[in-house]
N, C-alpha and C. Protein backbone atom coordinates (compact mmCIF):
# COMPACT_ATOMS: atom_id res chain seq x y z
N MET A 1 123.26 109.67 111.46
CA MET A 1 121.86 109.90 111.19
C MET A 1 121.75 110.87 110.03
N THR A 2 120.80 110.59 109.16
CA THR A 2 120.50 111.47 108.04
C THR A 2 119.08 112.00 108.21
N ILE A 3 118.90 113.30 107.99
CA ILE A 3 117.59 113.93 108.08
C ILE A 3 117.22 114.46 106.71
N THR A 4 116.03 114.10 106.25
CA THR A 4 115.52 114.58 104.98
C THR A 4 114.20 115.29 105.23
N GLU A 5 114.05 116.48 104.66
CA GLU A 5 112.84 117.27 104.86
C GLU A 5 112.04 117.37 103.57
N ALA A 6 110.72 117.35 103.70
CA ALA A 6 109.82 117.47 102.55
C ALA A 6 108.52 118.09 103.04
N LYS A 7 107.65 118.39 102.09
CA LYS A 7 106.33 118.92 102.43
C LYS A 7 105.30 118.26 101.53
N HIS A 8 104.16 117.92 102.12
CA HIS A 8 103.04 117.36 101.37
C HIS A 8 101.80 118.12 101.81
N ASN A 9 101.25 118.94 100.91
CA ASN A 9 100.15 119.83 101.23
C ASN A 9 100.54 120.68 102.44
N ASP A 10 99.82 120.57 103.56
CA ASP A 10 100.17 121.39 104.73
C ASP A 10 100.89 120.58 105.81
N THR A 11 101.39 119.42 105.45
CA THR A 11 102.13 118.58 106.39
C THR A 11 103.62 118.63 106.07
N PHE A 12 104.40 118.95 107.07
CA PHE A 12 105.85 118.95 106.92
C PHE A 12 106.37 117.58 107.35
N ILE A 13 107.26 117.03 106.56
CA ILE A 13 107.78 115.68 106.79
C ILE A 13 109.27 115.77 107.08
N VAL A 14 109.66 115.14 108.16
CA VAL A 14 111.07 115.02 108.50
C VAL A 14 111.35 113.52 108.61
N ALA A 15 112.16 113.00 107.70
CA ALA A 15 112.50 111.58 107.69
C ALA A 15 113.87 111.39 108.34
N ILE A 16 113.96 110.38 109.19
CA ILE A 16 115.20 110.09 109.91
C ILE A 16 115.71 108.71 109.49
N ASP A 17 116.99 108.65 109.17
CA ASP A 17 117.64 107.37 108.87
C ASP A 17 118.84 107.20 109.78
N GLY A 18 118.96 106.01 110.36
CA GLY A 18 120.11 105.71 111.21
C GLY A 18 119.75 105.68 112.68
N ARG A 19 120.69 106.13 113.50
CA ARG A 19 120.53 106.12 114.94
C ARG A 19 120.31 107.54 115.45
N LEU A 20 119.37 107.70 116.36
CA LEU A 20 119.10 108.99 116.99
C LEU A 20 119.55 108.90 118.44
N ASP A 21 120.64 109.59 118.75
CA ASP A 21 121.18 109.55 120.11
C ASP A 21 121.70 110.94 120.49
N ALA A 22 122.38 111.01 121.62
CA ALA A 22 122.83 112.31 122.13
C ALA A 22 123.78 113.04 121.17
N SER A 23 124.49 112.29 120.35
CA SER A 23 125.44 112.93 119.44
C SER A 23 124.78 113.69 118.30
N ASN A 24 123.55 113.30 117.94
CA ASN A 24 122.91 113.97 116.81
C ASN A 24 121.50 114.48 117.11
N ALA A 25 121.01 114.28 118.32
CA ALA A 25 119.67 114.77 118.68
C ALA A 25 119.52 116.28 118.46
N PRO A 26 120.56 117.10 118.74
CA PRO A 26 120.41 118.53 118.48
C PRO A 26 120.14 118.86 117.01
N ASP A 27 120.66 118.04 116.09
CA ASP A 27 120.40 118.26 114.66
C ASP A 27 118.92 118.07 114.35
N LEU A 28 118.34 117.01 114.91
CA LEU A 28 116.91 116.77 114.69
C LEU A 28 116.08 117.86 115.35
N GLU A 29 116.47 118.27 116.54
CA GLU A 29 115.73 119.32 117.24
C GLU A 29 115.71 120.60 116.40
N ARG A 30 116.85 120.98 115.84
CA ARG A 30 116.90 122.17 114.98
C ARG A 30 115.98 122.02 113.78
N ALA A 31 115.98 120.85 113.14
CA ALA A 31 115.15 120.62 111.97
C ALA A 31 113.66 120.71 112.32
N LEU A 32 113.27 120.09 113.43
CA LEU A 32 111.85 120.11 113.82
C LEU A 32 111.41 121.51 114.23
N LEU A 33 112.20 122.18 115.04
CA LEU A 33 111.82 123.51 115.51
C LEU A 33 111.83 124.53 114.38
N LYS A 34 112.69 124.33 113.39
CA LYS A 34 112.69 125.21 112.22
C LYS A 34 111.33 125.13 111.52
N GLN A 35 110.82 123.93 111.36
CA GLN A 35 109.51 123.76 110.72
C GLN A 35 108.39 124.37 111.57
N ILE A 36 108.44 124.11 112.87
CA ILE A 36 107.40 124.62 113.77
C ILE A 36 107.45 126.14 113.83
N ASP A 37 108.63 126.70 113.99
CA ASP A 37 108.78 128.15 114.04
C ASP A 37 108.41 128.80 112.71
N GLY A 38 108.51 128.03 111.64
CA GLY A 38 108.12 128.52 110.32
C GLY A 38 106.63 128.43 110.05
N GLY A 39 105.86 127.95 111.03
CA GLY A 39 104.41 127.93 110.89
C GLY A 39 103.78 126.57 110.73
N ALA A 40 104.57 125.51 110.73
CA ALA A 40 104.00 124.17 110.58
C ALA A 40 103.11 123.84 111.77
N LYS A 41 101.94 123.28 111.48
CA LYS A 41 101.05 122.79 112.53
C LYS A 41 100.88 121.28 112.45
N LYS A 42 101.23 120.72 111.30
CA LYS A 42 101.20 119.26 111.12
C LYS A 42 102.61 118.82 110.77
N LEU A 43 103.16 118.01 111.64
CA LEU A 43 104.52 117.55 111.46
C LEU A 43 104.55 116.04 111.50
N LEU A 44 105.09 115.44 110.46
CA LEU A 44 105.22 114.00 110.38
C LEU A 44 106.70 113.64 110.47
N VAL A 45 107.04 112.83 111.45
CA VAL A 45 108.40 112.32 111.57
C VAL A 45 108.36 110.89 111.04
N ASP A 46 108.95 110.70 109.86
CA ASP A 46 108.98 109.39 109.22
C ASP A 46 110.17 108.62 109.79
N CYS A 47 109.86 107.60 110.57
CA CYS A 47 110.88 106.83 111.28
C CYS A 47 111.20 105.49 110.60
N ALA A 48 110.80 105.33 109.36
CA ALA A 48 111.01 104.05 108.67
C ALA A 48 112.48 103.65 108.64
N GLY A 49 113.37 104.62 108.59
CA GLY A 49 114.80 104.33 108.55
C GLY A 49 115.49 104.45 109.90
N LEU A 50 114.71 104.71 110.95
CA LEU A 50 115.29 104.88 112.29
C LEU A 50 115.53 103.52 112.93
N ASP A 51 116.78 103.25 113.25
CA ASP A 51 117.15 101.96 113.82
C ASP A 51 117.22 101.97 115.34
N TYR A 52 117.44 103.14 115.93
CA TYR A 52 117.66 103.23 117.37
C TYR A 52 117.29 104.64 117.83
N ILE A 53 116.69 104.74 119.02
CA ILE A 53 116.41 106.04 119.61
C ILE A 53 116.79 106.00 121.09
N SER A 54 117.53 107.01 121.52
CA SER A 54 117.95 107.10 122.92
C SER A 54 117.02 108.07 123.65
N SER A 55 117.27 108.25 124.93
CA SER A 55 116.48 109.20 125.71
C SER A 55 116.63 110.62 125.16
N ALA A 56 117.79 110.94 124.61
CA ALA A 56 117.98 112.26 124.00
C ALA A 56 117.07 112.44 122.79
N GLY A 57 116.90 111.39 122.02
CA GLY A 57 115.98 111.43 120.88
C GLY A 57 114.54 111.57 121.32
N LEU A 58 114.18 110.84 122.37
CA LEU A 58 112.82 110.95 122.92
C LEU A 58 112.55 112.38 123.38
N ARG A 59 113.53 112.98 124.01
CA ARG A 59 113.38 114.35 124.48
C ARG A 59 113.09 115.31 123.33
N VAL A 60 113.78 115.14 122.22
CA VAL A 60 113.57 116.01 121.05
C VAL A 60 112.14 115.87 120.55
N LEU A 61 111.64 114.65 120.46
CA LEU A 61 110.26 114.44 120.01
C LEU A 61 109.27 115.08 120.98
N LEU A 62 109.55 114.98 122.26
CA LEU A 62 108.68 115.58 123.27
C LEU A 62 108.69 117.10 123.18
N VAL A 63 109.85 117.69 122.99
CA VAL A 63 109.96 119.14 122.83
C VAL A 63 109.11 119.61 121.65
N ALA A 64 109.19 118.89 120.53
CA ALA A 64 108.41 119.26 119.35
C ALA A 64 106.92 119.13 119.62
N ALA A 65 106.52 118.06 120.28
CA ALA A 65 105.09 117.85 120.58
C ALA A 65 104.56 118.95 121.49
N LYS A 66 105.34 119.31 122.50
CA LYS A 66 104.91 120.37 123.42
C LYS A 66 104.81 121.71 122.71
N ARG A 67 105.77 122.00 121.85
CA ARG A 67 105.76 123.28 121.11
C ARG A 67 104.55 123.34 120.19
N LEU A 68 104.25 122.24 119.52
CA LEU A 68 103.09 122.23 118.61
C LEU A 68 101.77 122.27 119.36
N LYS A 69 101.73 121.70 120.53
CA LYS A 69 100.50 121.71 121.32
C LYS A 69 100.06 123.13 121.64
N THR A 70 101.01 124.03 121.82
CA THR A 70 100.68 125.41 122.15
C THR A 70 99.97 126.13 121.00
N VAL A 71 100.09 125.61 119.78
CA VAL A 71 99.43 126.22 118.63
C VAL A 71 98.40 125.26 118.01
N ASP A 72 97.91 124.32 118.83
CA ASP A 72 96.93 123.33 118.38
C ASP A 72 97.43 122.51 117.20
N GLY A 73 98.71 122.23 117.20
CA GLY A 73 99.30 121.41 116.16
C GLY A 73 99.48 119.97 116.62
N THR A 74 100.04 119.15 115.74
CA THR A 74 100.22 117.74 116.06
C THR A 74 101.52 117.20 115.46
N VAL A 75 102.11 116.27 116.18
CA VAL A 75 103.27 115.53 115.68
C VAL A 75 102.83 114.09 115.49
N ALA A 76 103.05 113.57 114.31
CA ALA A 76 102.75 112.17 114.02
C ALA A 76 104.06 111.45 113.72
N LEU A 77 104.09 110.18 114.06
CA LEU A 77 105.24 109.33 113.76
C LEU A 77 104.79 108.20 112.87
N SER A 78 105.60 107.87 111.88
CA SER A 78 105.24 106.76 110.99
C SER A 78 106.41 105.82 110.81
N GLY A 79 106.08 104.58 110.45
CA GLY A 79 107.09 103.60 110.10
C GLY A 79 107.97 103.14 111.24
N LEU A 80 107.44 103.14 112.44
CA LEU A 80 108.25 102.75 113.60
C LEU A 80 108.61 101.27 113.55
N LYS A 81 109.89 100.98 113.64
CA LYS A 81 110.33 99.60 113.77
C LYS A 81 109.96 99.11 115.17
N HIS A 82 109.85 97.80 115.32
CA HIS A 82 109.42 97.22 116.59
C HIS A 82 110.25 97.72 117.77
N THR A 83 111.56 97.76 117.61
CA THR A 83 112.43 98.16 118.72
C THR A 83 112.23 99.62 119.10
N VAL A 84 112.03 100.47 118.12
CA VAL A 84 111.80 101.90 118.39
C VAL A 84 110.43 102.08 119.04
N ARG A 85 109.42 101.39 118.54
CA ARG A 85 108.09 101.46 119.13
C ARG A 85 108.11 100.98 120.58
N GLU A 86 108.87 99.95 120.84
CA GLU A 86 108.98 99.42 122.19
C GLU A 86 109.57 100.47 123.15
N VAL A 87 110.57 101.21 122.69
CA VAL A 87 111.16 102.27 123.52
C VAL A 87 110.11 103.34 123.82
N LEU A 88 109.34 103.73 122.80
CA LEU A 88 108.27 104.73 123.01
C LEU A 88 107.24 104.22 124.01
N ASP A 89 106.86 102.96 123.87
CA ASP A 89 105.87 102.37 124.77
C ASP A 89 106.38 102.32 126.20
N ILE A 90 107.59 101.85 126.39
CA ILE A 90 108.17 101.72 127.74
C ILE A 90 108.31 103.10 128.40
N ALA A 91 108.68 104.08 127.61
CA ALA A 91 108.85 105.44 128.14
C ALA A 91 107.50 106.13 128.39
N GLY A 92 106.42 105.53 127.90
CA GLY A 92 105.09 106.13 128.06
C GLY A 92 104.82 107.25 127.07
N PHE A 93 105.58 107.31 125.99
CA PHE A 93 105.45 108.38 125.00
C PHE A 93 104.44 108.08 123.90
N SER A 94 104.08 106.85 123.69
CA SER A 94 103.20 106.50 122.57
C SER A 94 101.90 107.30 122.53
N PRO A 95 101.22 107.52 123.67
CA PRO A 95 99.96 108.27 123.62
C PRO A 95 100.12 109.74 123.25
N ILE A 96 101.34 110.25 123.31
CA ILE A 96 101.58 111.66 123.01
C ILE A 96 101.49 111.93 121.51
N PHE A 97 101.79 110.94 120.71
CA PHE A 97 101.88 111.10 119.26
C PHE A 97 100.80 110.32 118.53
N ARG A 98 100.47 110.80 117.34
CA ARG A 98 99.64 109.99 116.45
C ARG A 98 100.60 109.05 115.74
N LEU A 99 100.32 107.77 115.80
CA LEU A 99 101.21 106.76 115.23
C LEU A 99 100.57 106.12 114.00
N PHE A 100 101.36 105.99 112.95
CA PHE A 100 100.88 105.41 111.70
C PHE A 100 101.86 104.36 111.20
N ALA A 101 101.36 103.39 110.48
CA ALA A 101 102.19 102.29 109.98
C ALA A 101 103.24 102.76 108.98
N ASP A 102 102.88 103.72 108.13
CA ASP A 102 103.81 104.19 107.11
C ASP A 102 103.48 105.62 106.71
N ARG A 103 104.33 106.21 105.89
CA ARG A 103 104.17 107.61 105.48
C ARG A 103 102.87 107.84 104.73
N THR A 104 102.53 106.97 103.83
CA THR A 104 101.30 107.13 103.03
C THR A 104 100.07 107.16 103.91
N THR A 105 100.00 106.22 104.85
CA THR A 105 98.86 106.17 105.77
C THR A 105 98.84 107.42 106.64
N ALA A 106 99.98 107.86 107.08
CA ALA A 106 100.07 109.05 107.93
C ALA A 106 99.58 110.30 107.18
N LEU A 107 100.03 110.46 105.96
CA LEU A 107 99.61 111.63 105.19
C LEU A 107 98.11 111.64 104.95
N ALA A 108 97.54 110.46 104.70
CA ALA A 108 96.09 110.36 104.53
C ALA A 108 95.38 110.67 105.85
N GLY A 109 95.91 110.17 106.96
CA GLY A 109 95.30 110.38 108.27
C GLY A 109 95.41 111.82 108.76
N LEU A 110 96.47 112.50 108.38
CA LEU A 110 96.64 113.88 108.80
C LEU A 110 95.86 114.84 107.93
N GLY A 111 95.45 114.34 106.76
CA GLY A 111 94.62 115.12 105.84
C GLY A 111 95.29 116.33 105.38
């Protein structure tokens, strides 16, 4: 898995490429919490390059969402492939996040 970080106005973007599983979920958790602890209230996880997500990956996204909720922040996900979206839906996680078709739409929606 590769993690790329960027910022657009007041939205922090973390892009994931590859597979997100127990072997690398701690890397993503560190990246997300670094942004949140640094003051981010709008966090976009760009999943366009994400091919697979395990329960460990879902846990990391949930941890970030819960942490941001305490400061009235939000986590948005963009570019979900069908298989990844299906995992979110089956796990009941989809309503927790703002979901967008792609990064451009997400950035416009997050304002």
